[in-house]
N, C-alpha and C. Protein backbone atom coordinates (compact mmCIF):
# COMPACT_ATOMS: atom_id res chain seq x y z
N MET A 1 175.49 -66.77 181.64
CA MET A 1 175.36 -68.14 181.10
C MET A 1 176.72 -68.63 180.62
N SER A 2 177.06 -69.87 180.94
CA SER A 2 178.34 -70.44 180.55
C SER A 2 178.42 -70.59 179.03
N LYS A 3 179.60 -70.33 178.49
CA LYS A 3 179.82 -70.53 177.07
C LYS A 3 179.99 -72.02 176.79
N ARG A 4 179.43 -72.45 175.66
CA ARG A 4 179.47 -73.86 175.30
C ARG A 4 180.59 -74.09 174.30
N LEU A 5 181.45 -75.08 174.59
CA LEU A 5 182.56 -75.44 173.72
C LEU A 5 182.39 -76.86 173.20
N LEU A 6 182.88 -77.11 172.00
CA LEU A 6 182.96 -78.46 171.46
C LEU A 6 184.43 -78.79 171.28
N VAL A 7 184.89 -79.87 171.93
CA VAL A 7 186.28 -80.30 171.85
C VAL A 7 186.34 -81.58 171.02
N VAL A 8 187.19 -81.57 169.98
CA VAL A 8 187.31 -82.70 169.06
C VAL A 8 188.74 -83.23 169.14
N GLU A 9 188.90 -84.45 169.63
CA GLU A 9 190.24 -85.03 169.85
C GLU A 9 190.11 -86.54 169.87
N ASP A 10 190.97 -87.24 169.09
CA ASP A 10 190.84 -88.69 169.01
C ASP A 10 191.54 -89.41 170.16
N ASP A 11 192.47 -88.73 170.86
CA ASP A 11 193.14 -89.34 172.02
C ASP A 11 192.19 -89.23 173.22
N ARG A 12 191.69 -90.37 173.67
CA ARG A 12 190.68 -90.37 174.72
C ARG A 12 191.17 -89.70 176.00
N ASN A 13 192.41 -90.00 176.41
CA ASN A 13 192.93 -89.43 177.65
C ASN A 13 193.11 -87.92 177.55
N LEU A 14 193.64 -87.46 176.40
CA LEU A 14 193.83 -86.03 176.21
C LEU A 14 192.48 -85.31 176.13
N LEU A 15 191.53 -85.95 175.46
CA LEU A 15 190.18 -85.37 175.36
C LEU A 15 189.58 -85.18 176.75
N ARG A 16 189.72 -86.20 177.58
CA ARG A 16 189.18 -86.11 178.94
C ARG A 16 189.88 -85.01 179.73
N ALA A 17 191.21 -84.90 179.60
CA ALA A 17 191.97 -83.90 180.35
C ALA A 17 191.58 -82.48 179.92
N ILE A 18 191.44 -82.28 178.62
CA ILE A 18 191.05 -80.96 178.12
C ILE A 18 189.66 -80.59 178.62
N ALA A 19 188.74 -81.54 178.53
CA ALA A 19 187.36 -81.29 178.96
C ALA A 19 187.30 -80.94 180.44
N VAL A 20 188.06 -81.65 181.26
CA VAL A 20 188.07 -81.38 182.70
C VAL A 20 188.59 -79.97 182.97
N SER A 21 189.70 -79.60 182.30
CA SER A 21 190.29 -78.27 182.51
C SER A 21 189.32 -77.17 182.11
N LEU A 22 188.64 -77.35 180.99
CA LEU A 22 187.72 -76.32 180.51
C LEU A 22 186.48 -76.22 181.38
N ARG A 23 186.00 -77.35 181.88
CA ARG A 23 184.84 -77.32 182.78
C ARG A 23 185.21 -76.62 184.09
N ARG A 24 186.41 -76.88 184.58
CA ARG A 24 186.86 -76.21 185.81
C ARG A 24 186.96 -74.70 185.60
N ALA A 25 187.20 -74.29 184.34
CA ALA A 25 187.29 -72.86 184.03
C ALA A 25 185.92 -72.24 183.83
N GLY A 26 184.87 -73.05 183.95
CA GLY A 26 183.52 -72.51 183.88
C GLY A 26 182.80 -72.69 182.56
N PHE A 27 183.39 -73.44 181.64
CA PHE A 27 182.75 -73.67 180.35
C PHE A 27 181.87 -74.92 180.37
N GLU A 28 180.86 -74.91 179.54
CA GLU A 28 180.08 -76.11 179.27
C GLU A 28 180.76 -76.81 178.09
N VAL A 29 181.06 -78.09 178.23
CA VAL A 29 181.89 -78.77 177.23
C VAL A 29 181.19 -80.00 176.67
N ALA A 30 181.12 -80.06 175.33
CA ALA A 30 180.71 -81.26 174.62
C ALA A 30 181.96 -81.82 173.94
N THR A 31 182.01 -83.13 173.72
CA THR A 31 183.20 -83.75 173.14
C THR A 31 182.86 -84.61 171.94
N ALA A 32 183.87 -84.79 171.08
CA ALA A 32 183.74 -85.67 169.91
C ALA A 32 185.11 -86.29 169.66
N ARG A 33 185.12 -87.53 169.14
CA ARG A 33 186.37 -88.26 168.93
C ARG A 33 186.94 -88.07 167.52
N ASP A 34 186.15 -87.54 166.60
CA ASP A 34 186.64 -87.31 165.23
C ASP A 34 185.74 -86.30 164.53
N GLY A 35 186.08 -85.99 163.28
CA GLY A 35 185.33 -85.00 162.54
C GLY A 35 183.88 -85.37 162.30
N GLU A 36 183.64 -86.63 161.97
CA GLU A 36 182.26 -87.06 161.72
C GLU A 36 181.39 -86.91 162.96
N GLU A 37 181.95 -87.30 164.11
CA GLU A 37 181.20 -87.18 165.36
C GLU A 37 180.96 -85.71 165.71
N ALA A 38 181.93 -84.86 165.36
CA ALA A 38 181.78 -83.42 165.61
C ALA A 38 180.63 -82.85 164.78
N LEU A 39 180.54 -83.26 163.50
CA LEU A 39 179.46 -82.77 162.65
C LEU A 39 178.10 -83.24 163.16
N GLU A 40 178.04 -84.44 163.70
CA GLU A 40 176.80 -84.92 164.29
C GLU A 40 176.40 -84.05 165.48
N SER A 41 177.39 -83.66 166.29
CA SER A 41 177.11 -82.78 167.42
C SER A 41 176.62 -81.42 166.94
N LEU A 42 177.24 -80.90 165.89
CA LEU A 42 176.88 -79.59 165.36
C LEU A 42 175.49 -79.58 164.72
N ALA A 43 175.03 -80.74 164.31
CA ALA A 43 173.68 -80.82 163.76
C ALA A 43 172.62 -80.56 164.82
N GLY A 44 173.03 -80.67 166.09
CA GLY A 44 172.13 -80.39 167.19
C GLY A 44 172.38 -79.01 167.76
N THR A 45 173.18 -78.94 168.82
CA THR A 45 173.46 -77.66 169.48
C THR A 45 174.70 -77.00 168.88
N ILE A 46 174.59 -75.69 168.64
CA ILE A 46 175.72 -74.94 168.10
C ILE A 46 176.56 -74.38 169.25
N PRO A 47 177.86 -74.71 169.30
CA PRO A 47 178.71 -74.19 170.38
C PRO A 47 179.16 -72.76 170.10
N ASP A 48 179.71 -72.13 171.13
CA ASP A 48 180.26 -70.79 170.97
C ASP A 48 181.67 -70.84 170.37
N LEU A 49 182.33 -71.98 170.51
CA LEU A 49 183.70 -72.12 169.99
C LEU A 49 184.03 -73.60 169.89
N ILE A 50 184.89 -73.94 168.93
CA ILE A 50 185.32 -75.33 168.72
C ILE A 50 186.82 -75.43 168.92
N VAL A 51 187.24 -76.43 169.68
CA VAL A 51 188.65 -76.77 169.85
C VAL A 51 188.85 -78.12 169.17
N SER A 52 189.79 -78.19 168.21
CA SER A 52 189.93 -79.43 167.45
C SER A 52 191.38 -79.81 167.20
N ASP A 53 191.64 -81.10 167.27
CA ASP A 53 192.90 -81.66 166.80
C ASP A 53 192.90 -81.62 165.27
N ILE A 54 194.07 -81.77 164.66
CA ILE A 54 194.14 -81.84 163.20
C ILE A 54 194.19 -83.29 162.73
N MET A 55 195.20 -84.03 163.20
CA MET A 55 195.40 -85.39 162.73
C MET A 55 194.49 -86.35 163.49
N MET A 56 193.41 -86.76 162.83
CA MET A 56 192.46 -87.69 163.42
C MET A 56 192.08 -88.73 162.38
N PRO A 57 191.71 -89.94 162.80
CA PRO A 57 191.26 -90.96 161.84
C PRO A 57 189.98 -90.51 161.16
N GLY A 58 189.81 -90.90 159.92
CA GLY A 58 188.61 -90.49 159.19
C GLY A 58 188.74 -89.04 158.77
N MET A 59 187.82 -88.21 159.18
CA MET A 59 187.83 -86.79 158.83
C MET A 59 188.81 -86.03 159.72
N ASP A 60 189.82 -85.39 159.12
CA ASP A 60 190.79 -84.65 159.91
C ASP A 60 190.29 -83.24 160.21
N GLY A 61 191.10 -82.47 160.95
CA GLY A 61 190.68 -81.14 161.37
C GLY A 61 190.47 -80.18 160.22
N TYR A 62 191.32 -80.26 159.19
CA TYR A 62 191.17 -79.36 158.04
C TYR A 62 189.83 -79.59 157.34
N THR A 63 189.50 -80.86 157.13
CA THR A 63 188.24 -81.18 156.45
C THR A 63 187.06 -80.77 157.31
N LEU A 64 187.17 -80.99 158.61
CA LEU A 64 186.11 -80.55 159.53
C LEU A 64 185.91 -79.04 159.42
N ALA A 65 187.02 -78.30 159.42
CA ALA A 65 186.93 -76.84 159.32
C ALA A 65 186.27 -76.42 158.01
N GLU A 66 186.58 -77.11 156.92
CA GLU A 66 185.97 -76.79 155.64
C GLU A 66 184.46 -76.98 155.69
N HIS A 67 184.01 -78.07 156.32
CA HIS A 67 182.58 -78.30 156.47
C HIS A 67 181.93 -77.20 157.31
N ILE A 68 182.60 -76.82 158.38
CA ILE A 68 182.05 -75.78 159.27
C ILE A 68 181.95 -74.45 158.54
N ARG A 69 182.99 -74.07 157.81
CA ARG A 69 183.01 -72.78 157.13
C ARG A 69 182.11 -72.73 155.90
N SER A 70 181.74 -73.88 155.37
CA SER A 70 180.89 -73.90 154.17
C SER A 70 179.40 -73.97 154.51
N ASN A 71 179.08 -74.05 155.80
CA ASN A 71 177.69 -74.15 156.24
C ASN A 71 177.28 -72.84 156.89
N ALA A 72 176.24 -72.21 156.34
CA ALA A 72 175.80 -70.90 156.85
C ALA A 72 175.38 -70.97 158.32
N ARG A 73 175.02 -72.15 158.78
CA ARG A 73 174.59 -72.31 160.18
C ARG A 73 175.77 -72.31 161.15
N THR A 74 176.95 -72.68 160.65
CA THR A 74 178.10 -72.85 161.55
C THR A 74 179.32 -72.02 161.16
N ASP A 75 179.28 -71.29 160.06
CA ASP A 75 180.52 -70.73 159.53
C ASP A 75 181.12 -69.60 160.34
N LEU A 76 180.39 -69.06 161.31
CA LEU A 76 180.94 -68.00 162.15
C LEU A 76 181.50 -68.52 163.48
N ILE A 77 181.43 -69.84 163.71
CA ILE A 77 181.93 -70.39 164.97
C ILE A 77 183.46 -70.30 164.98
N PRO A 78 184.06 -69.68 166.00
CA PRO A 78 185.52 -69.65 166.09
C PRO A 78 186.09 -71.06 166.26
N ILE A 79 187.26 -71.29 165.69
CA ILE A 79 187.92 -72.60 165.77
C ILE A 79 189.34 -72.44 166.27
N VAL A 80 189.71 -73.26 167.24
CA VAL A 80 191.08 -73.32 167.74
C VAL A 80 191.65 -74.69 167.40
N PHE A 81 192.79 -74.72 166.74
CA PHE A 81 193.45 -75.98 166.43
C PHE A 81 194.47 -76.32 167.52
N LEU A 82 194.42 -77.55 168.02
CA LEU A 82 195.42 -78.09 168.93
C LEU A 82 196.12 -79.22 168.20
N THR A 83 197.44 -79.12 168.00
CA THR A 83 198.10 -80.12 167.18
C THR A 83 199.59 -80.20 167.46
N ALA A 84 200.16 -81.35 167.13
CA ALA A 84 201.61 -81.53 167.22
C ALA A 84 202.30 -81.00 165.98
N LYS A 85 201.53 -80.66 164.95
CA LYS A 85 202.10 -80.16 163.70
C LYS A 85 202.42 -78.67 163.85
N ASP A 86 203.72 -78.35 163.78
CA ASP A 86 204.14 -76.97 164.01
C ASP A 86 204.85 -76.38 162.79
N ALA A 87 204.75 -77.06 161.66
CA ALA A 87 205.41 -76.56 160.45
C ALA A 87 204.68 -75.32 159.93
N ARG A 88 205.45 -74.44 159.28
CA ARG A 88 204.89 -73.19 158.76
C ARG A 88 203.76 -73.47 157.77
N LYS A 89 203.95 -74.47 156.92
CA LYS A 89 202.93 -74.77 155.91
C LYS A 89 201.62 -75.23 156.55
N ASP A 90 201.72 -75.88 157.72
CA ASP A 90 200.51 -76.33 158.41
C ASP A 90 199.76 -75.15 159.01
N ARG A 91 200.50 -74.17 159.51
CA ARG A 91 199.86 -72.97 160.04
C ARG A 91 199.18 -72.17 158.92
N ILE A 92 199.84 -72.12 157.77
CA ILE A 92 199.25 -71.43 156.62
C ILE A 92 197.97 -72.14 156.19
N ALA A 93 198.01 -73.48 156.17
CA ALA A 93 196.81 -74.24 155.80
C ALA A 93 195.69 -73.98 156.80
N GLY A 94 196.04 -73.87 158.07
CA GLY A 94 195.04 -73.58 159.08
C GLY A 94 194.43 -72.21 158.89
N SER A 95 195.26 -71.23 158.56
CA SER A 95 194.76 -69.87 158.32
C SER A 95 193.83 -69.84 157.13
N ARG A 96 194.18 -70.57 156.09
CA ARG A 96 193.33 -70.62 154.90
C ARG A 96 192.00 -71.30 155.19
N ALA A 97 191.99 -72.20 156.16
CA ALA A 97 190.76 -72.89 156.54
C ALA A 97 189.90 -72.05 157.47
N GLY A 98 190.38 -70.86 157.83
CA GLY A 98 189.60 -69.97 158.69
C GLY A 98 189.77 -70.24 160.16
N ILE A 99 190.95 -70.75 160.55
CA ILE A 99 191.21 -71.06 161.95
C ILE A 99 191.53 -69.77 162.71
N ASP A 100 190.99 -69.63 163.91
CA ASP A 100 191.18 -68.41 164.70
C ASP A 100 192.41 -68.44 165.58
N ALA A 101 192.83 -69.61 166.02
CA ALA A 101 194.03 -69.73 166.85
C ALA A 101 194.63 -71.11 166.63
N TYR A 102 195.94 -71.23 166.89
CA TYR A 102 196.67 -72.44 166.57
C TYR A 102 197.64 -72.70 167.72
N LEU A 103 197.37 -73.70 168.57
CA LEU A 103 198.23 -74.02 169.71
C LEU A 103 198.91 -75.36 169.46
N THR A 104 200.21 -75.40 169.74
CA THR A 104 201.00 -76.60 169.48
C THR A 104 201.14 -77.44 170.75
N LYS A 105 200.90 -78.75 170.62
CA LYS A 105 201.11 -79.69 171.72
C LYS A 105 202.60 -79.87 171.95
N PRO A 106 203.05 -80.03 173.22
CA PRO A 106 202.22 -79.95 174.43
C PRO A 106 201.92 -78.50 174.79
N PHE A 107 200.81 -78.28 175.46
CA PHE A 107 200.42 -76.94 175.83
C PHE A 107 199.90 -76.96 177.27
N GLU A 108 199.93 -75.82 177.90
CA GLU A 108 199.41 -75.69 179.25
C GLU A 108 197.91 -75.37 179.18
N PRO A 109 197.10 -75.93 180.07
CA PRO A 109 195.67 -75.62 180.06
C PRO A 109 195.40 -74.12 180.12
N GLU A 110 196.23 -73.40 180.89
CA GLU A 110 196.03 -71.95 181.01
C GLU A 110 196.20 -71.25 179.67
N GLU A 111 197.10 -71.76 178.82
CA GLU A 111 197.31 -71.18 177.50
C GLU A 111 196.06 -71.34 176.63
N LEU A 112 195.47 -72.52 176.67
CA LEU A 112 194.26 -72.77 175.90
C LEU A 112 193.10 -71.92 176.41
N ILE A 113 192.95 -71.86 177.73
CA ILE A 113 191.85 -71.08 178.31
C ILE A 113 192.00 -69.61 177.97
N ALA A 114 193.23 -69.09 178.01
CA ALA A 114 193.47 -67.69 177.66
C ALA A 114 193.11 -67.42 176.21
N ALA A 115 193.50 -68.34 175.32
CA ALA A 115 193.19 -68.17 173.90
C ALA A 115 191.68 -68.17 173.67
N ILE A 116 190.99 -69.08 174.33
CA ILE A 116 189.53 -69.17 174.19
C ILE A 116 188.86 -67.88 174.69
N ASN A 117 189.28 -67.43 175.86
CA ASN A 117 188.68 -66.20 176.43
C ASN A 117 188.94 -65.00 175.54
N ASN A 118 190.13 -64.90 174.96
CA ASN A 118 190.45 -63.78 174.07
C ASN A 118 189.57 -63.79 172.83
N ILE A 119 189.38 -64.98 172.25
CA ILE A 119 188.56 -65.08 171.04
C ILE A 119 187.10 -64.75 171.35
N LEU A 120 186.57 -65.30 172.44
CA LEU A 120 185.18 -65.03 172.79
C LEU A 120 184.96 -63.55 173.11
N ALA A 121 185.95 -62.92 173.73
CA ALA A 121 185.83 -61.49 174.02
C ALA A 121 185.84 -60.69 172.72
N ARG A 122 186.66 -61.09 171.77
CA ARG A 122 186.71 -60.40 170.47
C ARG A 122 185.39 -60.56 169.73
N VAL A 123 184.83 -61.75 169.77
CA VAL A 123 183.53 -61.99 169.12
C VAL A 123 182.46 -61.11 169.74
N ALA A 124 182.46 -61.02 171.07
CA ALA A 124 181.47 -60.20 171.76
C ALA A 124 181.61 -58.73 171.37
N ARG A 125 182.86 -58.25 171.26
CA ARG A 125 183.07 -56.86 170.85
C ARG A 125 182.59 -56.62 169.43
N THR A 126 182.84 -57.60 168.55
CA THR A 126 182.40 -57.47 167.16
C THR A 126 180.89 -57.37 167.09
N HIS A 127 180.19 -58.26 167.79
CA HIS A 127 178.73 -58.24 167.78
C HIS A 127 178.19 -56.92 168.32
N LEU A 128 178.83 -56.41 169.37
CA LEU A 128 178.38 -55.15 169.96
C LEU A 128 178.58 -53.99 169.00
N ARG A 129 179.73 -53.95 168.34
CA ARG A 129 179.99 -52.86 167.41
C ARG A 129 179.04 -52.90 166.22
N VAL A 130 178.80 -54.10 165.70
CA VAL A 130 177.87 -54.23 164.58
C VAL A 130 176.47 -53.83 165.01
N ALA A 131 176.08 -54.26 166.23
CA ALA A 131 174.76 -53.91 166.72
C ALA A 131 174.61 -52.40 166.88
N ARG A 132 175.65 -51.75 167.38
CA ARG A 132 175.59 -50.30 167.54
C ARG A 132 175.50 -49.60 166.19
N ARG A 133 176.27 -50.09 165.21
CA ARG A 133 176.22 -49.48 163.88
C ARG A 133 174.84 -49.63 163.27
N SER A 134 174.24 -50.81 163.48
CA SER A 134 172.94 -51.10 162.87
C SER A 134 171.78 -50.64 163.73
N ASN A 135 172.08 -50.16 164.95
CA ASN A 135 171.03 -49.78 165.90
C ASN A 135 170.11 -50.94 166.18
N LEU A 136 170.72 -52.14 166.36
CA LEU A 136 169.97 -53.38 166.60
C LEU A 136 170.44 -54.00 167.89
N PRO A 137 169.60 -54.86 168.53
CA PRO A 137 170.04 -55.55 169.74
C PRO A 137 171.27 -56.38 169.45
N SER A 138 172.21 -56.48 170.42
CA SER A 138 173.45 -57.21 170.19
C SER A 138 173.26 -58.71 170.19
N SER A 139 172.22 -59.21 170.83
CA SER A 139 171.97 -60.64 170.83
C SER A 139 171.15 -61.00 169.61
N THR A 140 171.18 -62.30 169.23
CA THR A 140 170.43 -62.75 168.08
C THR A 140 169.11 -63.36 168.47
N GLY A 141 168.78 -63.28 169.75
CA GLY A 141 167.52 -63.87 170.20
C GLY A 141 166.35 -62.97 169.89
N GLY A 142 165.14 -63.46 170.16
CA GLY A 142 163.92 -62.66 169.97
C GLY A 142 163.51 -62.65 168.53
N ASP A 143 162.59 -61.75 168.20
CA ASP A 143 162.03 -61.74 166.87
C ASP A 143 162.78 -60.83 165.93
N GLY A 144 163.86 -60.20 166.43
CA GLY A 144 164.68 -59.36 165.58
C GLY A 144 164.09 -57.99 165.37
N GLY A 145 163.01 -57.66 166.05
CA GLY A 145 162.38 -56.37 165.83
C GLY A 145 163.04 -55.30 166.66
N GLY A 146 162.54 -54.06 166.45
CA GLY A 146 162.99 -52.95 167.26
C GLY A 146 164.19 -52.24 166.72
N GLY A 147 164.82 -52.71 165.63
CA GLY A 147 165.99 -52.06 165.08
C GLY A 147 165.66 -51.33 163.81
N ASP A 148 166.63 -50.59 163.31
CA ASP A 148 166.47 -49.86 162.07
C ASP A 148 167.01 -50.70 160.94
N ALA A 149 166.14 -51.39 160.22
CA ALA A 149 166.58 -52.29 159.17
C ALA A 149 167.04 -51.55 157.94
N SER A 150 166.92 -50.20 157.91
CA SER A 150 167.32 -49.45 156.73
C SER A 150 168.75 -48.95 156.81
N VAL A 151 169.48 -49.28 157.90
CA VAL A 151 170.85 -48.80 158.06
C VAL A 151 171.73 -49.35 156.95
N VAL A 152 172.55 -48.47 156.36
CA VAL A 152 173.47 -48.88 155.30
C VAL A 152 174.88 -48.55 155.75
N MET A 153 175.83 -49.47 155.55
CA MET A 153 177.21 -49.22 155.92
C MET A 153 177.77 -48.06 155.09
N PRO A 154 178.35 -47.05 155.73
CA PRO A 154 178.88 -45.92 154.98
C PRO A 154 180.17 -46.27 154.25
N ASP A 155 180.47 -45.51 153.18
CA ASP A 155 181.72 -45.68 152.44
C ASP A 155 181.93 -47.12 152.00
N SER A 156 180.87 -47.76 151.60
CA SER A 156 180.95 -49.16 151.22
C SER A 156 180.86 -49.30 149.71
N ASP A 157 181.58 -50.26 149.15
CA ASP A 157 181.47 -50.52 147.72
C ASP A 157 180.38 -51.55 147.42
N LEU A 158 179.59 -51.89 148.43
CA LEU A 158 178.47 -52.79 148.24
C LEU A 158 177.26 -52.00 147.76
N THR A 159 176.31 -52.71 147.17
CA THR A 159 175.05 -52.06 146.83
C THR A 159 174.30 -51.74 148.11
N GLU A 160 173.25 -50.94 148.00
CA GLU A 160 172.49 -50.57 149.19
C GLU A 160 171.91 -51.80 149.88
N ALA A 161 171.37 -52.73 149.09
CA ALA A 161 170.79 -53.94 149.68
C ALA A 161 171.87 -54.79 150.36
N GLU A 162 173.03 -54.93 149.70
CA GLU A 162 174.11 -55.72 150.27
C GLU A 162 174.64 -55.08 151.55
N ALA A 163 174.68 -53.73 151.56
CA ALA A 163 175.18 -53.02 152.74
C ALA A 163 174.22 -53.13 153.92
N ARG A 164 172.94 -53.37 153.65
CA ARG A 164 172.00 -53.62 154.74
C ARG A 164 172.15 -55.03 155.29
N ILE A 165 172.45 -55.96 154.40
CA ILE A 165 172.51 -57.37 154.80
C ILE A 165 173.81 -57.71 155.52
N ALA A 166 174.93 -57.11 155.11
CA ALA A 166 176.24 -57.47 155.67
C ALA A 166 176.29 -57.37 157.20
N PRO A 167 175.81 -56.27 157.83
CA PRO A 167 175.86 -56.22 159.30
C PRO A 167 175.02 -57.30 159.97
N LEU A 168 173.93 -57.71 159.32
CA LEU A 168 173.08 -58.75 159.90
C LEU A 168 173.78 -60.11 159.81
N VAL A 169 174.50 -60.33 158.71
CA VAL A 169 175.32 -61.55 158.60
C VAL A 169 176.37 -61.56 159.71
N ALA A 170 176.98 -60.40 159.94
CA ALA A 170 178.02 -60.30 160.97
C ALA A 170 177.48 -60.58 162.35
N ARG A 171 176.20 -60.29 162.58
CA ARG A 171 175.58 -60.57 163.88
C ARG A 171 175.30 -62.05 164.06
N GLY A 172 175.46 -62.83 163.00
CA GLY A 172 175.23 -64.26 163.10
C GLY A 172 173.81 -64.68 162.78
N LEU A 173 173.00 -63.77 162.19
CA LEU A 173 171.63 -64.12 161.85
C LEU A 173 171.61 -65.08 160.65
N SER A 174 170.65 -65.98 160.65
CA SER A 174 170.46 -66.89 159.53
C SER A 174 169.79 -66.14 158.38
N ASN A 175 169.77 -66.75 157.19
CA ASN A 175 169.10 -66.13 156.05
C ASN A 175 167.62 -65.89 156.35
N LYS A 176 167.01 -66.82 157.04
CA LYS A 176 165.59 -66.68 157.38
C LYS A 176 165.37 -65.50 158.31
N GLU A 177 166.26 -65.34 159.30
CA GLU A 177 166.14 -64.23 160.25
C GLU A 177 166.38 -62.89 159.56
N ILE A 178 167.35 -62.87 158.63
CA ILE A 178 167.62 -61.64 157.88
C ILE A 178 166.43 -61.28 157.01
N ALA A 179 165.85 -62.29 156.37
CA ALA A 179 164.69 -62.05 155.53
C ALA A 179 163.54 -61.46 156.33
N HIS A 180 163.32 -61.99 157.53
CA HIS A 180 162.27 -61.47 158.40
C HIS A 180 162.56 -60.04 158.82
N GLN A 181 163.82 -59.78 159.15
CA GLN A 181 164.23 -58.44 159.61
C GLN A 181 164.00 -57.39 158.51
N LEU A 182 164.32 -57.75 157.26
CA LEU A 182 164.27 -56.79 156.16
C LEU A 182 162.99 -56.86 155.35
N GLY A 183 162.15 -57.85 155.61
CA GLY A 183 160.90 -57.97 154.88
C GLY A 183 161.09 -58.40 153.44
N ILE A 184 162.07 -59.29 153.22
CA ILE A 184 162.32 -59.83 151.88
C ILE A 184 162.35 -61.35 151.96
N SER A 185 162.50 -62.00 150.81
CA SER A 185 162.49 -63.46 150.81
C SER A 185 163.86 -64.02 151.16
N GLY A 186 163.87 -65.24 151.67
CA GLY A 186 165.12 -65.90 151.98
C GLY A 186 165.97 -66.11 150.75
N ARG A 187 165.34 -66.34 149.61
CA ARG A 187 166.07 -66.52 148.35
C ARG A 187 166.79 -65.23 147.95
N THR A 188 166.13 -64.10 148.20
CA THR A 188 166.75 -62.81 147.90
C THR A 188 167.96 -62.57 148.79
N VAL A 189 167.83 -62.93 150.07
CA VAL A 189 168.97 -62.80 150.99
C VAL A 189 170.13 -63.66 150.51
N GLU A 190 169.84 -64.90 150.15
CA GLU A 190 170.88 -65.81 149.66
C GLU A 190 171.57 -65.24 148.43
N MET A 191 170.79 -64.63 147.53
CA MET A 191 171.35 -64.05 146.31
C MET A 191 172.31 -62.91 146.65
N HIS A 192 171.88 -62.01 147.56
CA HIS A 192 172.73 -60.87 147.91
C HIS A 192 174.01 -61.32 148.62
N ILE A 193 173.91 -62.31 149.49
CA ILE A 193 175.11 -62.81 150.17
C ILE A 193 176.07 -63.43 149.16
N SER A 194 175.53 -64.16 148.20
CA SER A 194 176.37 -64.75 147.15
C SER A 194 177.08 -63.65 146.35
N HIS A 195 176.36 -62.55 146.09
CA HIS A 195 176.96 -61.43 145.36
C HIS A 195 178.08 -60.79 146.16
N ILE A 196 177.87 -60.65 147.47
CA ILE A 196 178.92 -60.07 148.33
C ILE A 196 180.18 -60.94 148.28
N LEU A 197 180.00 -62.25 148.45
CA LEU A 197 181.14 -63.17 148.46
C LEU A 197 181.86 -63.15 147.12
N SER A 198 181.09 -63.14 146.02
CA SER A 198 181.69 -63.12 144.69
C SER A 198 182.42 -61.81 144.43
N LYS A 199 181.82 -60.71 144.81
CA LYS A 199 182.40 -59.38 144.58
C LYS A 199 183.72 -59.21 145.32
N LYS A 200 183.76 -59.76 146.54
CA LYS A 200 184.95 -59.60 147.38
C LYS A 200 185.97 -60.73 147.20
N GLY A 201 185.58 -61.79 146.48
CA GLY A 201 186.48 -62.92 146.33
C GLY A 201 186.60 -63.75 147.58
N TRP A 202 185.51 -63.76 148.39
CA TRP A 202 185.51 -64.50 149.64
C TRP A 202 184.81 -65.84 149.47
N SER A 203 184.95 -66.69 150.49
CA SER A 203 184.37 -68.03 150.40
C SER A 203 183.33 -68.32 151.47
N ASN A 204 183.24 -67.49 152.52
CA ASN A 204 182.29 -67.80 153.59
C ASN A 204 181.85 -66.54 154.32
N ARG A 205 180.84 -66.70 155.17
CA ARG A 205 180.21 -65.57 155.86
C ARG A 205 181.09 -64.94 156.93
N ILE A 206 182.04 -65.69 157.46
CA ILE A 206 182.90 -65.12 158.50
C ILE A 206 183.74 -63.97 157.94
N GLU A 207 184.05 -64.04 156.64
CA GLU A 207 184.81 -62.96 156.02
C GLU A 207 183.95 -61.70 155.88
N ILE A 208 182.66 -61.88 155.72
CA ILE A 208 181.75 -60.73 155.72
C ILE A 208 181.77 -60.07 157.09
N ALA A 209 181.72 -60.89 158.14
CA ALA A 209 181.74 -60.35 159.51
C ALA A 209 183.03 -59.59 159.78
N ARG A 210 184.14 -60.13 159.32
CA ARG A 210 185.42 -59.45 159.53
C ARG A 210 185.45 -58.12 158.77
N TYR A 211 184.88 -58.10 157.58
CA TYR A 211 184.81 -56.88 156.78
C TYR A 211 184.01 -55.80 157.52
N VAL A 212 182.87 -56.21 158.07
CA VAL A 212 182.03 -55.25 158.81
C VAL A 212 182.79 -54.72 160.01
N PHE A 213 183.47 -55.60 160.73
CA PHE A 213 184.22 -55.18 161.92
C PHE A 213 185.34 -54.21 161.55
N GLU A 214 186.08 -54.52 160.47
CA GLU A 214 187.20 -53.67 160.08
C GLU A 214 186.73 -52.29 159.65
N ARG A 215 185.59 -52.21 158.99
CA ARG A 215 185.08 -50.91 158.55
C ARG A 215 184.56 -50.10 159.73
N ASP A 216 184.22 -50.80 160.81
CA ASP A 216 183.71 -50.11 162.00
C ASP A 216 184.82 -49.72 162.95
N ALA A 217 186.03 -50.25 162.73
CA ALA A 217 187.14 -49.97 163.64
C ALA A 217 187.55 -48.50 163.52
N PRO A 218 187.94 -47.88 164.65
CA PRO A 218 188.36 -46.48 164.61
C PRO A 218 189.62 -46.30 163.79
N GLU A 219 189.74 -45.13 163.17
CA GLU A 219 190.93 -44.84 162.36
C GLU A 219 192.17 -44.75 163.26
């Protein structure tokens, strides 16, 4: 199945050119002209990755990224910034916003496609490793059954309940799906996730996923 991308760019000609290049590379592409339009798109179908400009009228790329990372439904979506801003402080701001890659205009379509493929491959490896650790299916589809919901991450400074929930967060499951998997309430899941974020000094669920991946990486 083709991966779905959302491209956010206020320059109509550049937006069209990027979309054409990505479709030729085999991706399914949705487009938006600014941050507000992107959020409207995200309220419907969730893409596998977002490509966004930074400087746009209305909501800029940084603000869009903050909205994406603060929403449990979208906070694990990889984001690639395409921008003419190449200053060090702008790259730092992008990193703080949870950006996965940063390409400076002008860029070659092949460079963007390579970055997207690398990120999607990394995400797939992360999901597979977490699924293997948890003895759960690697996809998030289905009823979530068939796995061992009692698996706890070893050598973790999390509580037992938090250590059960973290790998499920990393798989991209919603609070409702996690609650169903573990046989607890959605409010309890929300409480444990909040405790994990507070304990680690993190701000969003993607940092939980990275933590799970790093602990699973070979020495």
